[in-house]
N, C-alpha and C. Protein backbone atom coordinates (compact mmCIF):
# COMPACT_ATOMS: atom_id res chain seq x y z
N MET A 1 68.10 -59.32 -46.31
CA MET A 1 66.88 -60.30 -45.96
C MET A 1 66.68 -61.47 -46.81
N ALA A 2 66.30 -62.45 -46.18
CA ALA A 2 66.19 -63.92 -46.99
C ALA A 2 65.04 -63.87 -47.78
N ALA A 3 65.16 -64.57 -48.83
CA ALA A 3 64.14 -64.78 -49.79
C ALA A 3 63.05 -65.54 -49.11
N THR A 4 61.87 -65.22 -49.36
CA THR A 4 60.57 -66.08 -49.01
C THR A 4 60.49 -67.13 -50.09
N GLY A 5 59.82 -68.20 -49.56
CA GLY A 5 59.34 -69.23 -50.56
C GLY A 5 58.68 -68.76 -51.90
N ARG A 6 57.96 -67.82 -51.75
CA ARG A 6 57.33 -67.23 -53.22
C ARG A 6 58.28 -66.61 -53.90
N GLU A 7 59.10 -66.00 -53.32
CA GLU A 7 59.99 -65.32 -54.27
C GLU A 7 61.10 -66.26 -54.72
N ILE A 8 61.40 -67.13 -54.21
CA ILE A 8 62.32 -68.42 -54.77
C ILE A 8 61.79 -68.78 -56.20
N ILE A 9 60.55 -69.26 -55.88
CA ILE A 9 59.64 -69.73 -57.04
C ILE A 9 59.30 -68.66 -58.11
N TRP A 10 58.58 -67.55 -57.71
CA TRP A 10 58.27 -66.68 -58.84
C TRP A 10 59.20 -65.68 -59.09
N GLY A 11 59.86 -65.22 -57.86
CA GLY A 11 61.07 -64.16 -58.19
C GLY A 11 60.49 -62.97 -57.64
N SER A 12 61.48 -62.08 -57.85
CA SER A 12 61.23 -60.67 -57.18
C SER A 12 60.23 -60.12 -58.07
N PRO A 13 59.41 -59.09 -57.90
CA PRO A 13 58.65 -58.07 -58.84
C PRO A 13 59.22 -57.38 -59.67
N THR A 14 60.58 -56.87 -59.30
CA THR A 14 61.37 -56.08 -60.16
C THR A 14 62.58 -56.87 -60.96
N ALA A 15 62.53 -58.15 -60.72
CA ALA A 15 63.54 -59.19 -61.71
C ALA A 15 63.56 -58.76 -63.20
N PRO A 16 64.55 -59.01 -63.76
CA PRO A 16 64.55 -58.98 -65.20
C PRO A 16 64.30 -60.07 -65.91
N ARG A 17 63.06 -60.77 -65.65
CA ARG A 17 62.83 -62.13 -66.30
C ARG A 17 62.83 -62.03 -67.84
N VAL A 18 62.21 -61.06 -68.47
CA VAL A 18 61.96 -61.04 -69.76
C VAL A 18 63.79 -60.92 -70.53
N GLU A 19 64.28 -59.96 -69.93
CA GLU A 19 65.70 -60.03 -70.39
C GLU A 19 66.53 -61.52 -70.26
N VAL A 20 66.28 -61.87 -69.37
CA VAL A 20 67.10 -63.31 -69.23
C VAL A 20 66.62 -64.08 -70.05
N ILE A 21 65.25 -64.45 -70.10
CA ILE A 21 64.77 -65.36 -71.03
C ILE A 21 65.01 -64.93 -72.63
N GLY A 22 64.73 -63.66 -72.84
CA GLY A 22 64.87 -63.33 -74.22
C GLY A 22 66.34 -63.21 -74.67
N GLY A 23 67.19 -62.65 -74.01
CA GLY A 23 68.77 -62.84 -74.10
C GLY A 23 69.24 -64.18 -74.50
N PHE A 24 68.88 -65.22 -73.51
CA PHE A 24 69.29 -66.67 -73.86
C PHE A 24 68.70 -67.04 -74.93
N ALA A 25 67.47 -66.68 -75.18
CA ALA A 25 66.65 -67.34 -76.59
C ALA A 25 67.34 -66.64 -77.60
N VAL A 26 67.80 -65.60 -77.81
CA VAL A 26 68.33 -64.93 -78.90
C VAL A 26 69.84 -65.79 -79.10
N LEU A 27 70.46 -65.90 -77.97
CA LEU A 27 71.83 -66.68 -78.25
C LEU A 27 71.69 -67.86 -78.60
N VAL A 28 70.51 -68.83 -78.33
CA VAL A 28 70.44 -70.01 -78.35
C VAL A 28 70.20 -70.12 -80.39
N LEU A 29 69.01 -68.98 -80.58
CA LEU A 29 68.47 -69.14 -81.92
C LEU A 29 69.68 -68.91 -82.85
N ILE A 30 70.49 -68.00 -82.47
CA ILE A 30 71.68 -67.59 -83.44
C ILE A 30 72.65 -68.63 -83.71
N THR A 31 72.95 -69.57 -82.43
CA THR A 31 73.88 -70.37 -82.71
C THR A 31 73.31 -71.47 -83.44
N LEU A 32 71.96 -71.79 -83.29
CA LEU A 32 71.56 -73.05 -84.07
C LEU A 32 71.35 -72.53 -85.51
N ILE A 33 71.09 -71.56 -85.97
CA ILE A 33 70.79 -71.01 -87.25
C ILE A 33 72.31 -70.98 -88.03
N THR A 34 73.15 -70.44 -87.04
CA THR A 34 74.58 -70.46 -87.53
C THR A 34 75.09 -71.75 -87.77
N THR A 35 74.84 -72.76 -86.92
CA THR A 35 75.19 -74.20 -87.25
C THR A 35 74.53 -74.74 -88.32
N VAL A 36 73.19 -74.43 -88.81
CA VAL A 36 72.70 -74.93 -89.92
C VAL A 36 73.23 -74.49 -90.94
N ALA A 37 73.48 -73.24 -90.96
CA ALA A 37 74.11 -72.32 -92.18
C ALA A 37 75.52 -72.97 -92.58
N THR A 38 76.18 -73.49 -91.55
CA THR A 38 77.47 -73.86 -91.84
C THR A 38 77.57 -75.41 -92.50
N ASN A 39 76.35 -76.01 -92.60
CA ASN A 39 76.28 -77.23 -93.23
C ASN A 39 76.89 -77.22 -94.81
N GLY A 40 76.82 -75.95 -95.47
CA GLY A 40 77.18 -76.05 -96.70
C GLY A 40 78.58 -75.96 -96.79
N LEU A 41 79.55 -75.60 -95.84
CA LEU A 41 80.84 -75.58 -95.91
C LEU A 41 81.56 -76.65 -96.21
N GLY A 42 81.33 -77.90 -95.95
CA GLY A 42 82.00 -79.31 -95.71
C GLY A 42 82.24 -79.86 -94.35
N THR A 43 82.47 -80.92 -94.29
CA THR A 43 82.46 -81.47 -92.84
C THR A 43 83.78 -81.38 -92.07
N ASP A 44 85.07 -80.97 -93.03
CA ASP A 44 86.16 -80.65 -92.47
C ASP A 44 86.54 -79.24 -92.39
N HIS A 45 85.52 -78.31 -92.71
CA HIS A 45 85.92 -76.98 -92.66
C HIS A 45 86.04 -76.58 -91.02
N PRO A 46 86.89 -75.80 -90.70
CA PRO A 46 87.10 -75.36 -89.10
C PRO A 46 86.12 -74.58 -88.50
N VAL A 47 85.41 -73.88 -89.36
CA VAL A 47 84.27 -73.22 -88.82
C VAL A 47 83.16 -74.10 -88.52
N ARG A 48 82.79 -74.81 -89.52
CA ARG A 48 81.51 -75.81 -89.39
C ARG A 48 82.13 -76.60 -88.15
N ARG A 49 83.19 -77.44 -88.17
CA ARG A 49 83.66 -77.99 -86.97
C ARG A 49 83.33 -77.54 -85.87
N PHE A 50 83.92 -76.14 -85.50
CA PHE A 50 83.81 -75.28 -84.34
C PHE A 50 82.38 -75.21 -83.79
N PHE A 51 81.35 -75.01 -84.82
CA PHE A 51 79.90 -74.75 -84.14
C PHE A 51 79.46 -76.15 -84.11
N TYR A 52 79.73 -77.16 -84.66
CA TYR A 52 79.19 -78.74 -84.27
C TYR A 52 79.93 -79.22 -83.11
N ASP A 53 80.85 -78.94 -82.86
CA ASP A 53 81.82 -79.63 -81.97
C ASP A 53 81.94 -78.84 -80.72
N VAL A 54 81.77 -77.56 -80.75
CA VAL A 54 81.89 -76.63 -79.38
C VAL A 54 80.66 -75.86 -79.17
N GLY A 55 80.17 -75.31 -80.41
CA GLY A 55 79.17 -74.36 -80.03
C GLY A 55 77.87 -74.92 -79.79
N LEU A 56 77.32 -75.92 -80.54
CA LEU A 56 76.12 -76.58 -80.16
C LEU A 56 76.12 -77.29 -79.03
N PRO A 57 77.21 -77.99 -78.47
CA PRO A 57 77.03 -78.61 -77.34
C PRO A 57 76.88 -77.78 -76.02
N VAL A 58 77.69 -76.58 -76.32
CA VAL A 58 77.74 -75.63 -75.15
C VAL A 58 76.57 -74.93 -74.92
N ILE A 59 75.68 -74.32 -75.96
CA ILE A 59 74.40 -73.78 -75.84
C ILE A 59 73.38 -74.76 -75.56
N LEU A 60 73.54 -76.15 -75.98
CA LEU A 60 72.17 -76.89 -75.78
C LEU A 60 72.55 -77.56 -74.42
N PHE A 61 73.66 -77.91 -73.84
CA PHE A 61 73.82 -78.49 -72.57
C PHE A 61 74.44 -77.75 -71.37
N TYR A 62 75.19 -76.79 -71.58
CA TYR A 62 75.99 -76.03 -70.66
C TYR A 62 75.36 -74.80 -70.34
N ALA A 63 75.16 -73.82 -71.32
CA ALA A 63 74.65 -72.62 -71.27
C ALA A 63 73.37 -72.43 -70.45
N PRO A 64 72.59 -73.39 -70.55
CA PRO A 64 71.05 -73.19 -69.74
C PRO A 64 71.71 -73.19 -68.24
N GLY A 65 72.52 -73.76 -67.61
CA GLY A 65 73.01 -73.70 -66.28
C GLY A 65 73.69 -72.26 -65.87
N ALA A 66 74.11 -71.89 -66.49
CA ALA A 66 75.03 -70.53 -66.34
C ALA A 66 74.14 -69.50 -66.58
N ALA A 67 72.87 -69.57 -67.63
CA ALA A 67 71.98 -68.57 -67.72
C ALA A 67 70.88 -68.59 -66.52
N ALA A 68 70.59 -69.73 -66.08
CA ALA A 68 69.88 -70.03 -64.83
C ALA A 68 70.52 -69.23 -63.72
N ALA A 69 71.85 -69.76 -63.51
CA ALA A 69 72.53 -69.20 -62.25
C ALA A 69 72.35 -67.87 -62.16
N VAL A 70 72.69 -67.29 -63.38
CA VAL A 70 72.53 -65.60 -63.35
C VAL A 70 71.00 -65.12 -63.17
N GLY A 71 70.34 -65.82 -63.77
CA GLY A 71 68.73 -65.37 -63.37
C GLY A 71 68.60 -65.56 -62.04
N ALA A 72 68.75 -66.75 -61.20
CA ALA A 72 68.92 -66.81 -59.87
C ALA A 72 69.29 -65.83 -59.10
N TYR A 73 70.60 -65.53 -59.41
CA TYR A 73 71.48 -64.32 -58.81
C TYR A 73 70.56 -63.20 -58.80
N LEU A 74 69.81 -63.02 -59.95
CA LEU A 74 69.24 -61.54 -60.09
C LEU A 74 67.72 -61.70 -59.55
N ARG A 75 67.47 -62.83 -58.85
CA ARG A 75 66.16 -63.15 -58.26
C ARG A 75 65.22 -63.14 -59.30
N CYS A 76 65.34 -63.90 -60.33
CA CYS A 76 64.30 -64.00 -61.27
C CYS A 76 63.35 -65.12 -60.94
N GLY A 77 63.67 -66.20 -60.05
CA GLY A 77 62.70 -67.14 -59.66
C GLY A 77 63.15 -68.43 -60.42
N ALA A 78 62.67 -69.68 -59.86
CA ALA A 78 62.71 -71.02 -60.42
C ALA A 78 62.06 -71.13 -61.74
N VAL A 79 61.04 -70.62 -61.62
CA VAL A 79 60.13 -70.92 -63.06
C VAL A 79 60.77 -70.23 -64.02
N THR A 80 61.49 -68.84 -64.04
CA THR A 80 62.13 -68.49 -65.01
C THR A 80 63.33 -69.17 -65.60
N CYS A 81 64.08 -69.65 -64.41
CA CYS A 81 65.31 -70.40 -64.63
C CYS A 81 64.67 -71.85 -65.33
N LEU A 82 63.84 -72.40 -65.24
CA LEU A 82 63.29 -73.58 -65.77
C LEU A 82 62.99 -73.45 -67.21
N VAL A 83 62.25 -72.16 -67.42
CA VAL A 83 61.83 -71.87 -68.89
C VAL A 83 63.29 -71.66 -69.59
N VAL A 84 64.37 -71.05 -68.74
CA VAL A 84 65.50 -71.15 -69.67
C VAL A 84 66.13 -72.53 -70.10
N GLY A 85 65.89 -73.57 -69.19
CA GLY A 85 66.09 -74.91 -69.54
C GLY A 85 65.32 -75.41 -70.67
N LEU A 86 64.12 -75.04 -71.15
CA LEU A 86 63.19 -75.42 -71.80
C LEU A 86 63.59 -74.75 -73.47
N ILE A 87 64.38 -73.70 -73.49
CA ILE A 87 64.47 -72.72 -74.61
C ILE A 87 65.41 -73.74 -75.63
N PRO A 88 66.70 -74.35 -75.20
CA PRO A 88 67.32 -74.80 -76.49
C PRO A 88 66.52 -76.04 -77.10
N ALA A 89 65.90 -76.90 -76.21
CA ALA A 89 65.05 -77.98 -76.93
C ALA A 89 63.85 -77.28 -77.80
N ALA A 90 63.14 -76.53 -77.15
CA ALA A 90 62.20 -75.80 -78.01
C ALA A 90 62.59 -75.25 -79.30
N PHE A 91 63.65 -74.63 -79.28
CA PHE A 91 64.28 -73.95 -80.37
C PHE A 91 64.87 -74.89 -81.40
N PHE A 92 65.48 -76.05 -80.82
CA PHE A 92 66.01 -77.22 -81.58
C PHE A 92 64.97 -77.84 -82.57
N VAL A 93 63.78 -78.04 -82.01
CA VAL A 93 62.49 -78.52 -82.70
C VAL A 93 62.09 -77.63 -83.83
N VAL A 94 62.10 -76.39 -83.38
CA VAL A 94 61.62 -75.37 -84.63
C VAL A 94 62.59 -75.31 -85.65
N VAL A 95 64.04 -75.09 -85.49
CA VAL A 95 65.01 -75.14 -86.52
C VAL A 95 64.88 -76.46 -87.34
N ALA A 96 64.71 -77.58 -86.66
CA ALA A 96 64.85 -78.89 -87.28
C ALA A 96 63.63 -78.99 -88.27
N VAL A 97 62.30 -78.54 -87.54
CA VAL A 97 61.01 -78.68 -88.36
C VAL A 97 61.03 -77.76 -89.60
N VAL A 98 61.58 -76.57 -89.42
CA VAL A 98 61.67 -75.53 -90.46
C VAL A 98 62.85 -75.90 -91.40
N GLY A 99 63.89 -76.25 -90.89
CA GLY A 99 64.91 -76.71 -91.65
C GLY A 99 64.48 -77.84 -92.64
N SER A 100 63.91 -78.85 -92.24
CA SER A 100 63.38 -79.97 -92.94
C SER A 100 62.33 -79.89 -93.98
N THR A 101 61.50 -78.65 -93.42
CA THR A 101 60.54 -78.22 -94.40
C THR A 101 61.15 -77.33 -95.80
N VAL A 102 61.97 -76.63 -95.43
CA VAL A 102 62.48 -75.87 -96.50
C VAL A 102 63.66 -76.51 -97.32
N GLY A 103 64.04 -77.72 -96.59
CA GLY A 103 65.10 -78.34 -97.43
C GLY A 103 66.52 -77.97 -97.21
N ALA A 104 66.90 -77.50 -96.04
CA ALA A 104 68.08 -77.01 -95.52
C ALA A 104 69.06 -78.08 -95.45
N PRO A 105 70.14 -78.24 -95.99
CA PRO A 105 71.20 -79.30 -96.00
C PRO A 105 71.60 -79.70 -94.78
N GLY A 106 71.63 -80.99 -94.28
CA GLY A 106 71.94 -81.67 -93.27
C GLY A 106 70.95 -81.45 -92.08
N VAL A 107 69.80 -81.16 -92.32
CA VAL A 107 68.64 -80.83 -91.35
C VAL A 107 67.67 -82.11 -91.55
N GLY A 108 67.35 -82.88 -90.69
CA GLY A 108 66.46 -83.82 -90.90
C GLY A 108 66.88 -85.00 -91.28
N GLY A 109 65.95 -86.11 -91.38
CA GLY A 109 66.56 -87.40 -91.98
C GLY A 109 67.31 -88.12 -91.36
N GLY A 110 67.59 -87.99 -90.15
CA GLY A 110 68.38 -88.91 -89.18
C GLY A 110 67.62 -90.07 -88.62
N ASP A 111 68.61 -91.16 -88.10
CA ASP A 111 67.74 -92.19 -87.57
C ASP A 111 66.95 -92.28 -86.41
N ALA A 112 67.16 -91.29 -85.23
CA ALA A 112 66.33 -91.06 -84.32
C ALA A 112 65.10 -90.22 -84.59
N PRO A 113 64.10 -90.50 -83.87
CA PRO A 113 62.85 -89.55 -84.04
C PRO A 113 63.10 -88.29 -83.36
N LEU A 114 62.54 -87.28 -84.01
CA LEU A 114 62.68 -86.14 -83.26
C LEU A 114 62.15 -85.71 -82.01
N TRP A 115 61.16 -86.48 -81.31
CA TRP A 115 60.54 -86.50 -80.06
C TRP A 115 61.58 -87.16 -79.35
N SER A 116 62.52 -88.05 -79.62
CA SER A 116 63.34 -88.57 -78.38
C SER A 116 64.62 -87.75 -78.32
N ILE A 117 64.92 -87.22 -79.49
CA ILE A 117 66.20 -86.18 -79.44
C ILE A 117 65.59 -84.91 -78.71
N THR A 118 64.44 -84.47 -78.80
CA THR A 118 64.10 -83.46 -77.96
C THR A 118 64.03 -83.52 -76.61
N LEU A 119 63.42 -84.82 -76.16
CA LEU A 119 63.26 -85.19 -74.88
C LEU A 119 64.90 -85.13 -74.30
N ALA A 120 65.59 -85.78 -74.93
CA ALA A 120 67.03 -85.90 -74.31
C ALA A 120 67.45 -84.55 -74.14
N PHE A 121 67.49 -83.86 -75.13
CA PHE A 121 68.08 -82.48 -74.76
C PHE A 121 67.34 -81.63 -73.97
N ALA A 122 66.08 -81.65 -74.12
CA ALA A 122 65.13 -81.11 -72.80
C ALA A 122 65.66 -81.40 -71.38
N THR A 123 65.80 -82.87 -71.16
CA THR A 123 66.07 -83.34 -69.65
C THR A 123 67.54 -82.81 -69.51
N ILE A 124 68.46 -82.93 -70.35
CA ILE A 124 69.84 -82.46 -69.90
C ILE A 124 69.98 -81.05 -69.59
N SER A 125 69.08 -80.04 -70.56
CA SER A 125 69.17 -78.68 -70.17
C SER A 125 68.33 -78.51 -69.08
N MET A 126 67.15 -79.09 -68.72
CA MET A 126 66.58 -78.76 -67.33
C MET A 126 67.39 -79.07 -66.23
N ILE A 127 68.20 -80.42 -66.26
CA ILE A 127 69.10 -80.66 -65.23
C ILE A 127 70.11 -79.43 -65.03
N THR A 128 70.62 -78.98 -66.08
CA THR A 128 71.74 -78.00 -66.00
C THR A 128 70.92 -76.77 -65.43
N ALA A 129 69.88 -76.47 -66.13
CA ALA A 129 69.21 -75.12 -65.55
C ALA A 129 69.01 -75.37 -64.11
N GLY A 130 68.40 -76.45 -63.59
CA GLY A 130 68.04 -76.66 -61.90
C GLY A 130 69.42 -76.49 -61.26
N VAL A 131 70.41 -77.02 -61.73
CA VAL A 131 71.75 -76.99 -60.96
C VAL A 131 72.22 -75.74 -60.90
N GLY A 132 72.25 -74.87 -62.07
CA GLY A 132 72.35 -73.35 -62.06
C GLY A 132 71.65 -72.70 -61.21
N PHE A 133 70.52 -72.94 -61.14
CA PHE A 133 69.41 -72.13 -60.34
C PHE A 133 69.99 -72.39 -58.91
N VAL A 134 70.30 -73.58 -58.39
CA VAL A 134 70.62 -73.76 -57.06
C VAL A 134 71.98 -73.05 -56.61
N VAL A 135 72.78 -72.93 -57.71
CA VAL A 135 74.04 -72.38 -57.70
C VAL A 135 73.77 -70.90 -57.34
N GLY A 136 73.16 -70.24 -58.36
CA GLY A 136 72.78 -68.97 -58.28
C GLY A 136 72.18 -68.59 -57.03
N VAL A 137 71.26 -69.31 -56.58
CA VAL A 137 70.49 -68.84 -55.14
C VAL A 137 71.58 -68.89 -54.07
N VAL A 138 72.36 -70.03 -53.85
CA VAL A 138 73.41 -69.98 -53.02
C VAL A 138 74.36 -68.89 -53.10
N VAL A 139 74.86 -68.61 -54.32
CA VAL A 139 75.93 -67.32 -54.47
C VAL A 139 75.28 -66.16 -54.00
N GLY A 140 73.83 -65.92 -54.62
CA GLY A 140 73.07 -64.69 -54.10
C GLY A 140 72.89 -64.60 -52.69
N THR A 141 72.63 -65.56 -52.13
CA THR A 141 72.47 -65.55 -50.63
C THR A 141 73.64 -65.42 -49.86
N VAL A 142 74.70 -66.19 -49.97
CA VAL A 142 75.84 -65.88 -49.38
C VAL A 142 76.79 -64.61 -49.73
N GLY A 143 76.42 -64.24 -50.95
CA GLY A 143 77.36 -63.11 -51.51
C GLY A 143 76.47 -61.69 -51.20
N ARG A 144 75.34 -61.80 -50.57
CA ARG A 144 74.58 -60.40 -50.26
C ARG A 144 74.63 -60.05 -48.80
């Protein structure tokens, strides 16, 4: 049975919205905190380089698309999938503000204002979440 417009936007009543959003939020928060924690290792340390060169870009830019595709396949709806796209930027702001407040090494003090970085991250994450949602809907429709 094809999904109605309401189900595509808001999702199925039995969809695991909280699990999709919460699971992705935990993954993003753990990655951001781990990345900040590796600042004390030195710039050439392989663990720090892995988190800065691989972990952070994957979580901030690519993972929202995959999480949104899973959410769309599970019929969570467009709203849930777009919230997934906002999570990396929102948690980036929280970690940056808290890290700057407590004086975490390597956090804050950059040349670009926080709002512009956050807007850029949110834009990229929302676009990948939107594409992921469309892919998830197509796969869910064709595969069922």
